[in-house]
Amino acid sequence: MAFLILVCGRCGGFLLTKADLKTRICPYCGFRVAVDRAKRVASAENAFKASTILRELKKDAHSKRKTVRRP
């Protein structure tokens, strides 16, 4: 079974979902994301690999936010 990592259209959060689902609810903002229309960031053939990719994406996004300094 294939897994996808998507981006929420409302809040920009990363979502992990099975490829055969039609919609997924964003765990961060509650927005209903259409799997076939959402921006796909990555895919994996199993849940373990998908969660590893997701963890890295979240870590990278978090580190980018921390390095931006505001005056």
C-alpha atoms as a PDB file:
ATOM      1  CA  MET A   1       0.000   0.000   0.000  1.00  0.00           C
ATOM      2  CA  ALA A   2       1.342   3.427  -0.945  1.00  0.00           C
ATOM      3  CA  PHE A   3       1.453   6.412   1.376  1.00  0.00           C
ATOM      4  CA  LEU A   4       1.576  10.107   0.486  1.00  0.00           C
ATOM      5  CA  ILE A   5       2.774  13.197   2.272  1.00  0.00           C
ATOM      6  CA  LEU A   6       0.642  16.204   1.397  1.00  0.00           C
ATOM      7  CA  VAL A   7       0.522  19.885   2.304  1.00  0.00           C
ATOM      8  CA  CYS A   8      -2.652  21.318   3.836  1.00  0.00           C
ATOM      9  CA  GLY A   9      -4.134  24.026   1.621  1.00  0.00           C
ATOM     10  CA  ARG A  10      -5.183  26.118   4.596  1.00  0.00           C
ATOM     11  CA  CYS A  11      -2.381  26.019   7.189  1.00  0.00           C
ATOM     12  CA  GLY A  12       0.526  24.533   5.221  1.00  0.00           C
ATOM     13  CA  GLY A  13       1.001  21.608   7.612  1.00  0.00           C
ATOM     14  CA  PHE A  14       2.266  18.252   6.390  1.00  0.00           C
ATOM     15  CA  LEU A  15      -0.190  15.333   6.289  1.00  0.00           C
ATOM     16  CA  LEU A  16       0.471  11.619   6.030  1.00  0.00           C
ATOM     17  CA  THR A  17      -2.237   9.646   4.249  1.00  0.00           C
ATOM     18  CA  LYS A  18      -2.882   6.430   2.398  1.00  0.00           C
ATOM     19  CA  ALA A  19      -2.856   6.945  -1.358  1.00  0.00           C
ATOM     20  CA  ASP A  20      -6.266   5.311  -1.867  1.00  0.00           C
ATOM     21  CA  LEU A  21      -8.187   7.766   0.373  1.00  0.00           C
ATOM     22  CA  LYS A  22     -10.223  10.581  -1.160  1.00  0.00           C
ATOM     23  CA  THR A  23     -10.011  13.097   1.678  1.00  0.00           C
ATOM     24  CA  ARG A  24      -8.039  13.631   4.860  1.00  0.00           C
ATOM     25  CA  ILE A  25      -8.693  15.985   7.772  1.00  0.00           C
ATOM     26  CA  CYS A  26      -5.716  18.177   8.683  1.00  0.00           C
ATOM     27  CA  PRO A  27      -4.744  17.418  12.295  1.00  0.00           C
ATOM     28  CA  TYR A  28      -3.553  21.014  12.774  1.00  0.00           C
ATOM     29  CA  CYS A  29      -6.450  23.134  11.510  1.00  0.00           C
ATOM     30  CA  GLY A  30      -9.309  20.701  10.789  1.00  0.00           C
ATOM     31  CA  PHE A  31      -9.482  21.517   7.071  1.00  0.00           C
ATOM     32  CA  ARG A  32     -10.734  18.711   4.807  1.00  0.00           C
ATOM     33  CA  VAL A  33      -7.993  18.087   2.237  1.00  0.00           C
ATOM     34  CA  ALA A  34      -8.848  16.440  -1.093  1.00  0.00           C
ATOM     35  CA  VAL A  35      -6.026  13.941  -1.605  1.00  0.00           C
ATOM     36  CA  ASP A  36      -6.160  14.085  -5.417  1.00  0.00           C
ATOM     37  CA  ARG A  37      -5.969  17.926  -5.452  1.00  0.00           C
ATOM     38  CA  ALA A  38      -3.470  18.551  -2.650  1.00  0.00           C
ATOM     39  CA  LYS A  39       0.179  19.373  -3.178  1.00  0.00           C
ATOM     40  CA  ARG A  40       2.157  16.137  -2.921  1.00  0.00           C
ATOM     41  CA  VAL A  41       5.546  16.451  -1.292  1.00  0.00           C
ATOM     42  CA  ALA A  42       6.630  12.801  -1.180  1.00  0.00           C
ATOM     43  CA  SER A  43       5.446   9.217  -1.416  1.00  0.00           C
ATOM     44  CA  ALA A  44       6.567   5.938   0.102  1.00  0.00           C
ATOM     45  CA  GLU A  45       5.684   2.273  -0.256  1.00  0.00           C
ATOM     46  CA  ASN A  46       5.123   1.687   3.465  1.00  0.00           C
ATOM     47  CA  ALA A  47       4.091   3.591   6.588  1.00  0.00           C
ATOM     48  CA  PHE A  48       7.504   3.404   8.249  1.00  0.00           C
ATOM     49  CA  LYS A  49       9.303   5.058   5.337  1.00  0.00           C
ATOM     50  CA  ALA A  50       6.547   7.651   4.998  1.00  0.00           C
ATOM     51  CA  SER A  51       6.743   8.570   8.683  1.00  0.00           C
ATOM     52  CA  THR A  52      10.532   8.874   8.446  1.00  0.00           C
ATOM     53  CA  ILE A  53      10.190  11.257   5.489  1.00  0.00           C
ATOM     54  CA  LEU A  54       7.488  13.214   7.311  1.00  0.00           C
ATOM     55  CA  ARG A  55       9.670  13.566  10.402  1.00  0.00           C
ATOM     56  CA  GLU A  56      12.534  14.962   8.293  1.00  0.00           C
ATOM     57  CA  LEU A  57      10.242  17.408   6.487  1.00  0.00           C
ATOM     58  CA  LYS A  58       8.877  18.708   9.787  1.00  0.00           C
ATOM     59  CA  LYS A  59      12.389  19.039  11.225  1.00  0.00           C
ATOM     60  CA  ASP A  60      13.572  20.981   8.155  1.00  0.00           C
ATOM     61  CA  ALA A  61      10.538  23.287   8.241  1.00  0.00           C
ATOM     62  CA  HIS A  62      11.036  23.919  11.950  1.00  0.00           C
ATOM     63  CA  SER A  63      14.730  24.736  11.541  1.00  0.00           C
ATOM     64  CA  LYS A  64      13.969  27.176   8.706  1.00  0.00           C
ATOM     65  CA  ARG A  65      11.471  29.032  10.902  1.00  0.00           C
ATOM     66  CA  LYS A  66      13.980  29.261  13.751  1.00  0.00           C
ATOM     67  CA  THR A  67      16.736  30.771  11.581  1.00  0.00           C
ATOM     68  CA  VAL A  68      14.595  33.624  10.233  1.00  0.00           C
ATOM     69  CA  ARG A  69      15.268  36.675  12.363  1.00  0.00           C
ATOM     70  CA  ARG A  70      13.004  39.656  12.482  1.00  0.00           C
ATOM     71  CA  PRO A  71      14.206  43.180  13.268  1.00  0.00           C
END
